[in-house]
Amino acid sequence: IEYVVNCQDRSIALSSFGVQTDTGTKVFSYDNRLYFYKPSMVIDSNLVASTCNNRVAMNGMAKAE
């Protein structure tokens, strides 16, 4: 599962996810149509908090604050 986090408005979007079956893994990607939402589940809220409070990502590079 991959997410995109917008720290400016503390929202999150599902970017892609995979489903593993007997015949292999199929990956679904939403990169072309991201839908940002305010997190309502604890796991999403924790992800946004962790990302926005502890990391800064710019120009494809991430560094600790």
PDB file of N, CA and C in Angstrom:
ATOM      1  N   ILE A   1       0.855  -1.169   0.000  1.00  0.00           N
ATOM      2  CA  ILE A   1       0.000   0.000   0.000  1.00  0.00           C
ATOM      3  C   ILE A   1       0.897   1.225   0.000  1.00  0.00           C
ATOM      4  N   GLU A   2       0.593   2.173  -0.866  1.00  0.00           N
ATOM      5  CA  GLU A   2       1.331   3.430  -0.925  1.00  0.00           C
ATOM      6  C   GLU A   2       0.346   4.585  -0.807  1.00  0.00           C
ATOM      7  N   TYR A   3       0.748   5.580  -0.034  1.00  0.00           N
ATOM      8  CA  TYR A   3      -0.076   6.756   0.176  1.00  0.00           C
ATOM      9  C   TYR A   3       0.688   8.009  -0.237  1.00  0.00           C
ATOM     10  N   VAL A   4      -0.050   9.060  -0.523  1.00  0.00           N
ATOM     11  CA  VAL A   4       0.500  10.394  -0.709  1.00  0.00           C
ATOM     12  C   VAL A   4      -0.107  11.248   0.386  1.00  0.00           C
ATOM     13  N   VAL A   5       0.741  12.004   1.106  1.00  0.00           N
ATOM     14  CA  VAL A   5       0.278  12.827   2.216  1.00  0.00           C
ATOM     15  C   VAL A   5       0.494  14.291   1.862  1.00  0.00           C
ATOM     16  N   ASN A   6      -0.530  15.110   2.068  1.00  0.00           N
ATOM     17  CA  ASN A   6      -0.440  16.553   1.895  1.00  0.00           C
ATOM     18  C   ASN A   6      -0.353  17.164   3.291  1.00  0.00           C
ATOM     19  N   CYS A   7       0.846  17.589   3.686  1.00  0.00           N
ATOM     20  CA  CYS A   7       1.038  18.113   5.037  1.00  0.00           C
ATOM     21  C   CYS A   7       0.431  19.504   5.211  1.00  0.00           C
ATOM     22  N   GLN A   8       0.252  20.235   4.120  1.00  0.00           N
ATOM     23  CA  GLN A   8      -0.312  21.571   4.226  1.00  0.00           C
ATOM     24  C   GLN A   8      -1.727  21.535   4.794  1.00  0.00           C
ATOM     25  N   ASP A   9      -2.540  20.605   4.310  1.00  0.00           N
ATOM     26  CA  ASP A   9      -3.907  20.522   4.840  1.00  0.00           C
ATOM     27  C   ASP A   9      -4.162  19.211   5.596  1.00  0.00           C
ATOM     28  N   ARG A  10      -3.065  18.465   5.885  1.00  0.00           N
ATOM     29  CA  ARG A  10      -3.137  17.229   6.685  1.00  0.00           C
ATOM     30  C   ARG A  10      -4.133  16.230   6.091  1.00  0.00           C
ATOM     31  N   SER A  11      -4.047  16.033   4.766  1.00  0.00           N
ATOM     32  CA  SER A  11      -4.913  15.057   4.100  1.00  0.00           C
ATOM     33  C   SER A  11      -4.050  13.939   3.524  1.00  0.00           C
ATOM     34  N   ILE A  12      -4.720  12.874   3.072  1.00  0.00           N
ATOM     35  CA  ILE A  12      -4.038  11.671   2.602  1.00  0.00           C
ATOM     36  C   ILE A  12      -4.777  11.126   1.387  1.00  0.00           C
ATOM     37  N   ALA A  13      -4.035  10.476   0.488  1.00  0.00           N
ATOM     38  CA  ALA A  13      -4.636   9.834  -0.691  1.00  0.00           C
ATOM     39  C   ALA A  13      -3.988   8.476  -0.879  1.00  0.00           C
ATOM     40  N   LEU A  14      -4.781   7.507  -1.274  1.00  0.00           N
ATOM     41  CA  LEU A  14      -4.270   6.186  -1.610  1.00  0.00           C
ATOM     42  C   LEU A  14      -3.675   6.263  -3.012  1.00  0.00           C
ATOM     43  N   SER A  15      -2.398   5.913  -3.147  1.00  0.00           N
ATOM     44  CA  SER A  15      -1.719   5.997  -4.424  1.00  0.00           C
ATOM     45  C   SER A  15      -1.737   4.667  -5.170  1.00  0.00           C
ATOM     46  N   SER A  16      -1.468   3.576  -4.451  1.00  0.00           N
ATOM     47  CA  SER A  16      -1.503   2.258  -5.080  1.00  0.00           C
ATOM     48  C   SER A  16      -1.600   1.176  -4.014  1.00  0.00           C
ATOM     49  N   PHE A  17      -2.023  -0.006  -4.452  1.00  0.00           N
ATOM     50  CA  PHE A  17      -2.056  -1.154  -3.560  1.00  0.00           C
ATOM     51  C   PHE A  17      -1.964  -2.417  -4.399  1.00  0.00           C
ATOM     52  N   GLY A  18      -1.569  -3.505  -3.767  1.00  0.00           N
ATOM     53  CA  GLY A  18      -1.431  -4.768  -4.471  1.00  0.00           C
ATOM     54  C   GLY A  18      -2.306  -5.837  -3.847  1.00  0.00           C
ATOM     55  N   VAL A  19      -2.736  -6.760  -4.689  1.00  0.00           N
ATOM     56  CA  VAL A  19      -3.521  -7.905  -4.241  1.00  0.00           C
ATOM     57  C   VAL A  19      -2.769  -9.154  -4.663  1.00  0.00           C
ATOM     58  N   GLN A  20      -2.453 -10.002  -3.696  1.00  0.00           N
ATOM     59  CA  GLN A  20      -1.739 -11.239  -4.002  1.00  0.00           C
ATOM     60  C   GLN A  20      -2.732 -12.381  -4.085  1.00  0.00           C
ATOM     61  N   THR A  21      -2.654 -13.129  -5.192  1.00  0.00           N
ATOM     62  CA  THR A  21      -3.525 -14.285  -5.416  1.00  0.00           C
ATOM     63  C   THR A  21      -2.663 -15.507  -5.721  1.00  0.00           C
ATOM     64  N   ASP A  22      -3.302 -16.621  -5.965  1.00  0.00           N
ATOM     65  CA  ASP A  22      -2.578 -17.841  -6.316  1.00  0.00           C
ATOM     66  C   ASP A  22      -1.780 -17.692  -7.614  1.00  0.00           C
ATOM     67  N   THR A  23      -2.260 -16.831  -8.503  1.00  0.00           N
ATOM     68  CA  THR A  23      -1.600 -16.669  -9.802  1.00  0.00           C
ATOM     69  C   THR A  23      -0.593 -15.528  -9.823  1.00  0.00           C
ATOM     70  N   GLY A  24      -0.436 -14.804  -8.733  1.00  0.00           N
ATOM     71  CA  GLY A  24       0.537 -13.718  -8.685  1.00  0.00           C
ATOM     72  C   GLY A  24      -0.033 -12.478  -8.030  1.00  0.00           C
ATOM     73  N   THR A  25       0.696 -11.395  -8.157  1.00  0.00           N
ATOM     74  CA  THR A  25       0.300 -10.128  -7.550  1.00  0.00           C
ATOM     75  C   THR A  25      -0.165  -9.163  -8.619  1.00  0.00           C
ATOM     76  N   LYS A  26      -1.280  -8.506  -8.363  1.00  0.00           N
ATOM     77  CA  LYS A  26      -1.789  -7.475  -9.261  1.00  0.00           C
ATOM     78  C   LYS A  26      -1.723  -6.152  -8.510  1.00  0.00           C
ATOM     79  N   VAL A  27      -1.129  -5.143  -9.130  1.00  0.00           N
ATOM     80  CA  VAL A  27      -0.979  -3.828  -8.506  1.00  0.00           C
ATOM     81  C   VAL A  27      -1.952  -2.862  -9.166  1.00  0.00           C
ATOM     82  N   PHE A  28      -2.685  -2.140  -8.345  1.00  0.00           N
ATOM     83  CA  PHE A  28      -3.619  -1.113  -8.808  1.00  0.00           C
ATOM     84  C   PHE A  28      -3.033   0.243  -8.438  1.00  0.00           C
ATOM     85  N   SER A  29      -2.966   1.149  -9.388  1.00  0.00           N
ATOM     86  CA  SER A  29      -2.369   2.455  -9.154  1.00  0.00           C
ATOM     87  C   SER A  29      -3.389   3.561  -9.420  1.00  0.00           C
ATOM     88  N   TYR A  30      -3.375   4.554  -8.525  1.00  0.00           N
ATOM     89  CA  TYR A  30      -4.277   5.703  -8.655  1.00  0.00           C
ATOM     90  C   TYR A  30      -3.498   6.996  -8.873  1.00  0.00           C
ATOM     91  N   ASP A  31      -2.251   6.906  -9.308  1.00  0.00           N
ATOM     92  CA  ASP A  31      -1.402   8.090  -9.441  1.00  0.00           C
ATOM     93  C   ASP A  31      -2.032   9.180 -10.307  1.00  0.00           C
ATOM     94  N   ASN A  32      -2.785   8.803 -11.319  1.00  0.00           N
ATOM     95  CA  ASN A  32      -3.379   9.792 -12.232  1.00  0.00           C
ATOM     96  C   ASN A  32      -4.627  10.442 -11.662  1.00  0.00           C
ATOM     97  N   ARG A  33      -5.188   9.874 -10.608  1.00  0.00           N
ATOM     98  CA  ARG A  33      -6.457  10.380 -10.074  1.00  0.00           C
ATOM     99  C   ARG A  33      -6.482  10.277  -8.551  1.00  0.00           C
ATOM    100  N   LEU A  34      -5.559  10.969  -7.916  1.00  0.00           N
ATOM    101  CA  LEU A  34      -5.498  10.948  -6.454  1.00  0.00           C
ATOM    102  C   LEU A  34      -6.687  11.685  -5.861  1.00  0.00           C
ATOM    103  N   TYR A  35      -7.278  11.115  -4.840  1.00  0.00           N
ATOM    104  CA  TYR A  35      -8.389  11.735  -4.124  1.00  0.00           C
ATOM    105  C   TYR A  35      -7.940  11.908  -2.668  1.00  0.00           C
ATOM    106  N   PHE A  36      -7.699  13.148  -2.276  1.00  0.00           N
ATOM    107  CA  PHE A  36      -7.257  13.432  -0.919  1.00  0.00           C
ATOM    108  C   PHE A  36      -8.449  13.550   0.014  1.00  0.00           C
ATOM    109  N   TYR A  37      -8.297  13.000   1.201  1.00  0.00           N
ATOM    110  CA  TYR A  37      -9.356  13.054   2.201  1.00  0.00           C
ATOM    111  C   TYR A  37      -8.740  13.278   3.574  1.00  0.00           C
ATOM    112  N   LYS A  38      -9.522  13.833   4.466  1.00  0.00           N
ATOM    113  CA  LYS A  38      -9.089  14.006   5.852  1.00  0.00           C
ATOM    114  C   LYS A  38      -9.152  12.641   6.528  1.00  0.00           C
ATOM    115  N   PRO A  39      -8.075  12.223   7.170  1.00  0.00           N
ATOM    116  CA  PRO A  39      -8.076  10.899   7.788  1.00  0.00           C
ATOM    117  C   PRO A  39      -9.099  10.785   8.911  1.00  0.00           C
ATOM    118  N   SER A  40      -9.820   9.678   8.913  1.00  0.00           N
ATOM    119  CA  SER A  40     -10.795   9.437   9.981  1.00  0.00           C
ATOM    120  C   SER A  40     -10.452   8.181  10.773  1.00  0.00           C
ATOM    121  N   MET A  41      -9.655   7.294  10.184  1.00  0.00           N
ATOM    122  CA  MET A  41      -9.228   6.094  10.897  1.00  0.00           C
ATOM    123  C   MET A  41      -7.903   6.382  11.607  1.00  0.00           C
ATOM    124  N   VAL A  42      -7.680   5.742  12.718  1.00  0.00           N
ATOM    125  CA  VAL A  42      -6.477   5.969  13.514  1.00  0.00           C
ATOM    126  C   VAL A  42      -5.217   5.689  12.701  1.00  0.00           C
ATOM    127  N   ILE A  43      -5.215   4.629  11.924  1.00  0.00           N
ATOM    128  CA  ILE A  43      -4.023   4.285  11.148  1.00  0.00           C
ATOM    129  C   ILE A  43      -3.684   5.388  10.147  1.00  0.00           C
ATOM    130  N   ASP A  44      -4.688   5.981   9.507  1.00  0.00           N
ATOM    131  CA  ASP A  44      -4.451   7.084   8.572  1.00  0.00           C
ATOM    132  C   ASP A  44      -3.989   8.335   9.308  1.00  0.00           C
ATOM    133  N   SER A  45      -4.609   8.633  10.441  1.00  0.00           N
ATOM    134  CA  SER A  45      -4.204   9.798  11.243  1.00  0.00           C
ATOM    135  C   SER A  45      -2.766   9.661  11.707  1.00  0.00           C
ATOM    136  N   ASN A  46      -2.380   8.462  12.135  1.00  0.00           N
ATOM    137  CA  ASN A  46      -1.004   8.226  12.576  1.00  0.00           C
ATOM    138  C   ASN A  46      -0.018   8.378  11.426  1.00  0.00           C
ATOM    139  N   LEU A  47      -0.402   7.926  10.248  1.00  0.00           N
ATOM    140  CA  LEU A  47       0.460   8.049   9.082  1.00  0.00           C
ATOM    141  C   LEU A  47       0.690   9.515   8.729  1.00  0.00           C
ATOM    142  N   VAL A  48      -0.365  10.303   8.715  1.00  0.00           N
ATOM    143  CA  VAL A  48      -0.237  11.734   8.418  1.00  0.00           C
ATOM    144  C   VAL A  48       0.622  12.419   9.485  1.00  0.00           C
ATOM    145  N   ALA A  49       0.357  12.147  10.751  1.00  0.00           N
ATOM    146  CA  ALA A  49       1.120  12.763  11.831  1.00  0.00           C
ATOM    147  C   ALA A  49       2.594  12.386  11.739  1.00  0.00           C
ATOM    148  N   SER A  50       2.868  11.119  11.532  1.00  0.00           N
ATOM    149  CA  SER A  50       4.251  10.660  11.445  1.00  0.00           C
ATOM    150  C   SER A  50       4.972  11.295  10.261  1.00  0.00           C
ATOM    151  N   THR A  51       4.311  11.329   9.129  1.00  0.00           N
ATOM    152  CA  THR A  51       4.923  11.899   7.927  1.00  0.00           C
ATOM    153  C   THR A  51       5.151  13.393   8.079  1.00  0.00           C
ATOM    154  N   CYS A  52       4.144  14.111   8.504  1.00  0.00           N
ATOM    155  CA  CYS A  52       4.238  15.568   8.559  1.00  0.00           C
ATOM    156  C   CYS A  52       5.054  16.074   9.753  1.00  0.00           C
ATOM    157  N   ASN A  53       5.055  15.348  10.843  1.00  0.00           N
ATOM    158  CA  ASN A  53       5.782  15.809  12.021  1.00  0.00           C
ATOM    159  C   ASN A  53       7.252  15.425  11.992  1.00  0.00           C
ATOM    160  N   ASN A  54       7.607  14.360  11.292  1.00  0.00           N
ATOM    161  CA  ASN A  54       8.967  13.832  11.371  1.00  0.00           C
ATOM    162  C   ASN A  54       9.776  13.930  10.102  1.00  0.00           C
ATOM    163  N   ARG A  55       9.160  14.148   8.967  1.00  0.00           N
ATOM    164  CA  ARG A  55       9.890  14.122   7.701  1.00  0.00           C
ATOM    165  C   ARG A  55       9.507  15.313   6.840  1.00  0.00           C
ATOM    166  N   VAL A  56      10.446  15.714   6.009  1.00  0.00           N
ATOM    167  CA  VAL A  56      10.180  16.734   5.005  1.00  0.00           C
ATOM    168  C   VAL A  56      10.613  16.139   3.676  1.00  0.00           C
ATOM    169  N   ALA A  57       9.739  16.116   2.700  1.00  0.00           N
ATOM    170  CA  ALA A  57      10.066  15.577   1.383  1.00  0.00           C
ATOM    171  C   ALA A  57      10.026  16.703   0.360  1.00  0.00           C
ATOM    172  N   MET A  58      11.112  16.860  -0.367  1.00  0.00           N
ATOM    173  CA  MET A  58      11.173  17.885  -1.390  1.00  0.00           C
ATOM    174  C   MET A  58      11.998  17.373  -2.568  1.00  0.00           C
ATOM    175  N   ASN A  59      11.531  17.588  -3.782  1.00  0.00           N
ATOM    176  CA  ASN A  59      12.265  17.234  -4.989  1.00  0.00           C
ATOM    177  C   ASN A  59      12.735  15.793  -4.996  1.00  0.00           C
ATOM    178  N   GLY A  60      11.880  14.893  -4.542  1.00  0.00           N
ATOM    179  CA  GLY A  60      12.208  13.476  -4.571  1.00  0.00           C
ATOM    180  C   GLY A  60      13.157  13.018  -3.481  1.00  0.00           C
ATOM    181  N   MET A  61      13.547  13.910  -2.578  1.00  0.00           N
ATOM    182  CA  MET A  61      14.442  13.538  -1.486  1.00  0.00           C
ATOM    183  C   MET A  61      13.730  13.747  -0.168  1.00  0.00           C
ATOM    184  N   ALA A  62      13.961  12.874   0.778  1.00  0.00           N
ATOM    185  CA  ALA A  62      13.381  13.019   2.114  1.00  0.00           C
ATOM    186  C   ALA A  62      14.511  13.172   3.103  1.00  0.00           C
ATOM    187  N   LYS A  63      14.338  14.059   4.057  1.00  0.00           N
ATOM    188  CA  LYS A  63      15.342  14.213   5.105  1.00  0.00           C
ATOM    189  C   LYS A  63      14.647  14.459   6.421  1.00  0.00           C
ATOM    190  N   ALA A  64      15.261  14.037   7.495  1.00  0.00           N
ATOM    191  CA  ALA A  64      14.705  14.256   8.825  1.00  0.00           C
ATOM    192  C   ALA A  64      14.831  15.723   9.180  1.00  0.00           C
ATOM    193  N   GLU A  65      13.835  16.259   9.889  1.00  0.00           N
ATOM    194  CA  GLU A  65      13.896  17.659  10.325  1.00  0.00           C
ATOM    195  C   GLU A  65      14.826  17.810  11.502  1.00  0.00           C
TER     196      GLU A  65
END
